[in-house]
Amino acid sequence: FFVPPRWTFQVESSENIVALATMS
C-alpha cells in the first residue's frame, strides 16, 4: 500500500528494500 510502486509487491529502489528488510 505504501512502498513505491504502490499497489504492487515490487520495490523500485534499494533504499526501500533496506527499509522493508529493516522493518521485517
PDB file of all heavy atoms in Angstrom:
ATOM      1  N   PHE A   1       0.799  -1.227   0.000  1.00  0.00           N
ATOM      2  CA  PHE A   1       0.000   0.000   0.000  1.00  0.00           C
ATOM      3  C   PHE A   1       0.836   1.284   0.000  1.00  0.00           C
ATOM      4  O   PHE A   1       0.358   2.340  -0.440  1.00  0.00           O
ATOM      5  CB  PHE A   1      -0.934   0.033   1.220  1.00  0.00           C
ATOM      6  CG  PHE A   1      -2.039  -0.987   1.153  1.00  0.00           C
ATOM      7  CD1 PHE A   1      -1.979  -2.159   1.899  1.00  0.00           C
ATOM      8  CD2 PHE A   1      -3.133  -0.788   0.322  1.00  0.00           C
ATOM      9  CE1 PHE A   1      -2.996  -3.093   1.838  1.00  0.00           C
ATOM     10  CE2 PHE A   1      -4.167  -1.722   0.265  1.00  0.00           C
ATOM     11  CZ  PHE A   1      -4.096  -2.884   1.021  1.00  0.00           C
ATOM     12  N   PHE A   2       2.095   1.211   0.466  1.00  0.00           N
ATOM     13  CA  PHE A   2       2.805   2.475   0.676  1.00  0.00           C
ATOM     14  C   PHE A   2       4.180   2.550   0.006  1.00  0.00           C
ATOM     15  O   PHE A   2       4.649   3.652  -0.300  1.00  0.00           O
ATOM     16  CB  PHE A   2       2.969   2.733   2.189  1.00  0.00           C
ATOM     17  CG  PHE A   2       1.650   2.841   2.910  1.00  0.00           C
ATOM     18  CD1 PHE A   2       1.161   1.764   3.649  1.00  0.00           C
ATOM     19  CD2 PHE A   2       0.884   3.988   2.817  1.00  0.00           C
ATOM     20  CE1 PHE A   2      -0.056   1.850   4.300  1.00  0.00           C
ATOM     21  CE2 PHE A   2      -0.339   4.078   3.460  1.00  0.00           C
ATOM     22  CZ  PHE A   2      -0.811   3.009   4.205  1.00  0.00           C
ATOM     23  N   VAL A   3       4.859   1.446  -0.232  1.00  0.00           N
ATOM     24  CA  VAL A   3       6.202   1.497  -0.822  1.00  0.00           C
ATOM     25  C   VAL A   3       6.071   1.596  -2.348  1.00  0.00           C
ATOM     26  O   VAL A   3       5.375   0.759  -2.949  1.00  0.00           O
ATOM     27  CB  VAL A   3       7.020   0.245  -0.428  1.00  0.00           C
ATOM     28  CG1 VAL A   3       8.369   0.249  -1.138  1.00  0.00           C
ATOM     29  CG2 VAL A   3       7.211   0.196   1.090  1.00  0.00           C
ATOM     30  N   PRO A   4       6.683   2.604  -2.946  1.00  0.00           N
ATOM     31  CA  PRO A   4       6.624   2.730  -4.417  1.00  0.00           C
ATOM     32  C   PRO A   4       7.315   1.540  -5.076  1.00  0.00           C
ATOM     33  O   PRO A   4       8.345   1.064  -4.562  1.00  0.00           O
ATOM     34  CB  PRO A   4       7.354   4.034  -4.691  1.00  0.00           C
ATOM     35  CG  PRO A   4       7.332   4.781  -3.385  1.00  0.00           C
ATOM     36  CD  PRO A   4       7.371   3.734  -2.316  1.00  0.00           C
ATOM     37  N   PRO A   5       6.793   1.051  -6.206  1.00  0.00           N
ATOM     38  CA  PRO A   5       5.498   1.436  -6.794  1.00  0.00           C
ATOM     39  C   PRO A   5       4.348   0.868  -5.971  1.00  0.00           C
ATOM     40  O   PRO A   5       4.367  -0.300  -5.592  1.00  0.00           O
ATOM     41  CB  PRO A   5       5.545   0.826  -8.184  1.00  0.00           C
ATOM     42  CG  PRO A   5       6.447  -0.371  -8.031  1.00  0.00           C
ATOM     43  CD  PRO A   5       7.473   0.015  -7.006  1.00  0.00           C
ATOM     44  N   ARG A   6       3.366   1.712  -5.611  1.00  0.00           N
ATOM     45  CA  ARG A   6       2.253   1.331  -4.760  1.00  0.00           C
ATOM     46  C   ARG A   6       1.312   0.380  -5.484  1.00  0.00           C
ATOM     47  O   ARG A   6       1.253   0.337  -6.702  1.00  0.00           O
ATOM     48  CB  ARG A   6       1.516   2.581  -4.291  1.00  0.00           C
ATOM     49  CG  ARG A   6       2.472   3.574  -3.569  1.00  0.00           C
ATOM     50  CD  ARG A   6       1.778   4.857  -3.177  1.00  0.00           C
ATOM     51  NE  ARG A   6       0.937   4.649  -1.981  1.00  0.00           N
ATOM     52  CZ  ARG A   6       0.383   5.656  -1.331  1.00  0.00           C
ATOM     53  NH1 ARG A   6       0.533   6.916  -1.781  1.00  0.00           N
ATOM     54  NH2 ARG A   6      -0.364   5.425  -0.267  1.00  0.00           N
ATOM     55  N   TRP A   7       0.561  -0.375  -4.674  1.00  0.00           N
ATOM     56  CA  TRP A   7      -0.421  -1.355  -5.125  1.00  0.00           C
ATOM     57  C   TRP A   7       0.213  -2.561  -5.828  1.00  0.00           C
ATOM     58  O   TRP A   7      -0.423  -3.280  -6.575  1.00  0.00           O
ATOM     59  CB  TRP A   7      -1.475  -0.713  -6.035  1.00  0.00           C
ATOM     60  CG  TRP A   7      -1.972   0.597  -5.498  1.00  0.00           C
ATOM     61  CD1 TRP A   7      -1.705   1.842  -5.985  1.00  0.00           C
ATOM     62  CD2 TRP A   7      -2.791   0.778  -4.347  1.00  0.00           C
ATOM     63  NE1 TRP A   7      -2.303   2.816  -5.237  1.00  0.00           N
ATOM     64  CE2 TRP A   7      -3.003   2.179  -4.198  1.00  0.00           C
ATOM     65  CE3 TRP A   7      -3.399  -0.083  -3.414  1.00  0.00           C
ATOM     66  CZ2 TRP A   7      -3.766   2.727  -3.184  1.00  0.00           C
ATOM     67  CZ3 TRP A   7      -4.159   0.474  -2.422  1.00  0.00           C
ATOM     68  CH2 TRP A   7      -4.338   1.855  -2.294  1.00  0.00           C
ATOM     69  N   THR A   8       1.504  -2.728  -5.572  1.00  0.00           N
ATOM     70  CA  THR A   8       2.213  -3.922  -6.051  1.00  0.00           C
ATOM     71  C   THR A   8       3.187  -4.357  -4.962  1.00  0.00           C
ATOM     72  O   THR A   8       3.449  -3.620  -4.012  1.00  0.00           O
ATOM     73  CB  THR A   8       3.014  -3.643  -7.338  1.00  0.00           C
ATOM     74  OG1 THR A   8       4.097  -2.749  -7.039  1.00  0.00           O
ATOM     75  CG2 THR A   8       2.140  -3.039  -8.414  1.00  0.00           C
ATOM     76  N   PHE A   9       3.715  -5.536  -5.135  1.00  0.00           N
ATOM     77  CA  PHE A   9       4.717  -6.025  -4.191  1.00  0.00           C
ATOM     78  C   PHE A   9       6.135  -5.778  -4.688  1.00  0.00           C
ATOM     79  O   PHE A   9       7.096  -6.276  -4.108  1.00  0.00           O
ATOM     80  CB  PHE A   9       4.510  -7.529  -3.931  1.00  0.00           C
ATOM     81  CG  PHE A   9       3.274  -7.820  -3.137  1.00  0.00           C
ATOM     82  CD1 PHE A   9       2.144  -8.328  -3.756  1.00  0.00           C
ATOM     83  CD2 PHE A   9       3.235  -7.562  -1.773  1.00  0.00           C
ATOM     84  CE1 PHE A   9       0.999  -8.589  -3.021  1.00  0.00           C
ATOM     85  CE2 PHE A   9       2.083  -7.836  -1.041  1.00  0.00           C
ATOM     86  CZ  PHE A   9       0.955  -8.338  -1.659  1.00  0.00           C
ATOM     87  N   GLN A  10       6.285  -4.981  -5.766  1.00  0.00           N
ATOM     88  CA  GLN A  10       7.603  -4.662  -6.289  1.00  0.00           C
ATOM     89  C   GLN A  10       8.210  -3.501  -5.493  1.00  0.00           C
ATOM     90  O   GLN A  10       7.492  -2.673  -4.920  1.00  0.00           O
ATOM     91  CB  GLN A  10       7.520  -4.280  -7.759  1.00  0.00           C
ATOM     92  CG  GLN A  10       7.021  -5.422  -8.655  1.00  0.00           C
ATOM     93  CD  GLN A  10       6.937  -5.002 -10.111  1.00  0.00           C
ATOM     94  OE1 GLN A  10       7.268  -3.869 -10.461  1.00  0.00           O
ATOM     95  NE2 GLN A  10       6.487  -5.926 -10.964  1.00  0.00           N
ATOM     96  N   VAL A  11       9.545  -3.437  -5.480  1.00  0.00           N
ATOM     97  CA  VAL A  11      10.284  -2.354  -4.808  1.00  0.00           C
ATOM     98  C   VAL A  11      11.203  -1.731  -5.826  1.00  0.00           C
ATOM     99  O   VAL A  11      12.036  -2.409  -6.433  1.00  0.00           O
ATOM    100  CB  VAL A  11      11.090  -2.893  -3.619  1.00  0.00           C
ATOM    101  CG1 VAL A  11      11.813  -1.758  -2.916  1.00  0.00           C
ATOM    102  CG2 VAL A  11      10.179  -3.641  -2.645  1.00  0.00           C
ATOM    103  N   GLU A  12      11.040  -0.386  -6.001  1.00  0.00           N
ATOM    104  CA  GLU A  12      11.758   0.255  -7.094  1.00  0.00           C
ATOM    105  C   GLU A  12      13.150   0.741  -6.717  1.00  0.00           C
ATOM    106  O   GLU A  12      13.975   0.990  -7.586  1.00  0.00           O
ATOM    107  CB  GLU A  12      10.939   1.437  -7.624  1.00  0.00           C
ATOM    108  CG  GLU A  12      10.792   2.578  -6.628  1.00  0.00           C
ATOM    109  CD  GLU A  12       9.983   3.727  -7.171  1.00  0.00           C
ATOM    110  OE1 GLU A  12       9.385   3.593  -8.258  1.00  0.00           O
ATOM    111  OE2 GLU A  12       9.950   4.771  -6.513  1.00  0.00           O
ATOM    112  N   SER A  13      13.446   0.897  -5.444  1.00  0.00           N
ATOM    113  CA  SER A  13      14.772   1.405  -5.080  1.00  0.00           C
ATOM    114  C   SER A  13      15.380   0.531  -3.992  1.00  0.00           C
ATOM    115  O   SER A  13      14.667  -0.090  -3.198  1.00  0.00           O
ATOM    116  CB  SER A  13      14.687   2.853  -4.583  1.00  0.00           C
ATOM    117  OG  SER A  13      13.969   2.914  -3.363  1.00  0.00           O
ATOM    118  N   SER A  14      16.701   0.520  -3.996  1.00  0.00           N
ATOM    119  CA  SER A  14      17.415  -0.264  -2.979  1.00  0.00           C
ATOM    120  C   SER A  14      17.185   0.299  -1.584  1.00  0.00           C
ATOM    121  O   SER A  14      17.193  -0.429  -0.585  1.00  0.00           O
ATOM    122  CB  SER A  14      18.920  -0.278  -3.286  1.00  0.00           C
ATOM    123  OG  SER A  14      19.426   1.058  -3.326  1.00  0.00           O
ATOM    124  N   GLU A  15      16.922   1.591  -1.494  1.00  0.00           N
ATOM    125  CA  GLU A  15      16.666   2.207  -0.192  1.00  0.00           C
ATOM    126  C   GLU A  15      15.401   1.640   0.432  1.00  0.00           C
ATOM    127  O   GLU A  15      15.334   1.346   1.625  1.00  0.00           O
ATOM    128  CB  GLU A  15      16.534   3.718  -0.348  1.00  0.00           C
ATOM    129  CG  GLU A  15      16.259   4.444   0.975  1.00  0.00           C
ATOM    130  CD  GLU A  15      16.143   5.929   0.783  1.00  0.00           C
ATOM    131  OE1 GLU A  15      16.401   6.417  -0.340  1.00  0.00           O
ATOM    132  OE2 GLU A  15      15.791   6.610   1.769  1.00  0.00           O
ATOM    133  N   ASN A  16      14.386   1.459  -0.418  1.00  0.00           N
ATOM    134  CA  ASN A  16      13.146   0.902   0.086  1.00  0.00           C
ATOM    135  C   ASN A  16      13.295  -0.572   0.454  1.00  0.00           C
ATOM    136  O   ASN A  16      12.636  -1.073   1.376  1.00  0.00           O
ATOM    137  CB  ASN A  16      12.032   1.065  -0.944  1.00  0.00           C
ATOM    138  CG  ASN A  16      11.632   2.520  -1.114  1.00  0.00           C
ATOM    139  OD1 ASN A  16      11.797   3.315  -0.190  1.00  0.00           O
ATOM    140  ND2 ASN A  16      11.120   2.880  -2.288  1.00  0.00           N
ATOM    141  N   ILE A  17      14.195  -1.266  -0.288  1.00  0.00           N
ATOM    142  CA  ILE A  17      14.455  -2.676   0.059  1.00  0.00           C
ATOM    143  C   ILE A  17      15.072  -2.764   1.453  1.00  0.00           C
ATOM    144  O   ILE A  17      14.683  -3.600   2.280  1.00  0.00           O
ATOM    145  CB  ILE A  17      15.367  -3.321  -1.005  1.00  0.00           C
ATOM    146  CG1 ILE A  17      14.636  -3.413  -2.341  1.00  0.00           C
ATOM    147  CG2 ILE A  17      15.809  -4.707  -0.536  1.00  0.00           C
ATOM    148  CD1 ILE A  17      15.487  -3.983  -3.461  1.00  0.00           C
ATOM    149  N   VAL A  18      16.037  -1.885   1.705  1.00  0.00           N
ATOM    150  CA  VAL A  18      16.679  -1.873   3.031  1.00  0.00           C
ATOM    151  C   VAL A  18      15.646  -1.537   4.113  1.00  0.00           C
ATOM    152  O   VAL A  18      15.615  -2.124   5.193  1.00  0.00           O
ATOM    153  CB  VAL A  18      17.848  -0.869   3.050  1.00  0.00           C
ATOM    154  CG1 VAL A  18      18.389  -0.721   4.471  1.00  0.00           C
ATOM    155  CG2 VAL A  18      18.941  -1.316   2.112  1.00  0.00           C
ATOM    156  N   ALA A  19      14.757  -0.584   3.803  1.00  0.00           N
ATOM    157  CA  ALA A  19      13.738  -0.187   4.779  1.00  0.00           C
ATOM    158  C   ALA A  19      12.792  -1.353   5.090  1.00  0.00           C
ATOM    159  O   ALA A  19      12.436  -1.600   6.249  1.00  0.00           O
ATOM    160  CB  ALA A  19      12.952   1.017   4.253  1.00  0.00           C
ATOM    161  N   LEU A  20      12.370  -2.064   4.036  1.00  0.00           N
ATOM    162  CA  LEU A  20      11.491  -3.203   4.246  1.00  0.00           C
ATOM    163  C   LEU A  20      12.185  -4.311   5.039  1.00  0.00           C
ATOM    164  O   LEU A  20      11.582  -4.938   5.931  1.00  0.00           O
ATOM    165  CB  LEU A  20      10.997  -3.742   2.913  1.00  0.00           C
ATOM    166  CG  LEU A  20       9.889  -2.933   2.216  1.00  0.00           C
ATOM    167  CD1 LEU A  20       9.618  -3.506   0.838  1.00  0.00           C
ATOM    168  CD2 LEU A  20       8.619  -2.954   3.059  1.00  0.00           C
ATOM    169  N   ALA A  21      13.464  -4.569   4.695  1.00  0.00           N
ATOM    170  CA  ALA A  21      14.208  -5.598   5.419  1.00  0.00           C
ATOM    171  C   ALA A  21      14.374  -5.225   6.890  1.00  0.00           C
ATOM    172  O   ALA A  21      14.211  -6.055   7.798  1.00  0.00           O
ATOM    173  CB  ALA A  21      15.567  -5.817   4.760  1.00  0.00           C
ATOM    174  N   THR A  22      14.701  -3.933   7.105  1.00  0.00           N
ATOM    175  CA  THR A  22      14.855  -3.466   8.495  1.00  0.00           C
ATOM    176  C   THR A  22      13.540  -3.572   9.266  1.00  0.00           C
ATOM    177  O   THR A  22      13.487  -4.004  10.419  1.00  0.00           O
ATOM    178  CB  THR A  22      15.354  -2.018   8.509  1.00  0.00           C
ATOM    179  OG1 THR A  22      16.593  -1.938   7.783  1.00  0.00           O
ATOM    180  CG2 THR A  22      15.556  -1.539   9.940  1.00  0.00           C
ATOM    181  N   MET A  23      12.441  -3.172   8.578  1.00  0.00           N
ATOM    182  CA  MET A  23      11.139  -3.254   9.226  1.00  0.00           C
ATOM    183  C   MET A  23      10.787  -4.710   9.548  1.00  0.00           C
ATOM    184  O   MET A  23      10.212  -4.997  10.610  1.00  0.00           O
ATOM    185  CB  MET A  23      10.073  -2.640   8.333  1.00  0.00           C
ATOM    186  CG  MET A  23       8.671  -2.685   8.932  1.00  0.00           C
ATOM    187  SD  MET A  23       7.436  -1.989   7.832  1.00  0.00           S
ATOM    188  CE  MET A  23       5.946  -2.369   8.753  1.00  0.00           C
ATOM    189  N   SER A  24      11.135  -5.622   8.637  1.00  0.00           N
ATOM    190  CA  SER A  24      10.847  -7.037   8.895  1.00  0.00           C
ATOM    191  C   SER A  24      11.596  -7.527  10.126  1.00  0.00           C
ATOM    192  O   SER A  24      11.025  -8.206  11.003  1.00  0.00           O
ATOM    193  CB  SER A  24      11.245  -7.882   7.680  1.00  0.00           C
ATOM    194  OG  SER A  24      10.536  -7.472   6.535  1.00  0.00           O
TER     195      SER A  24
END
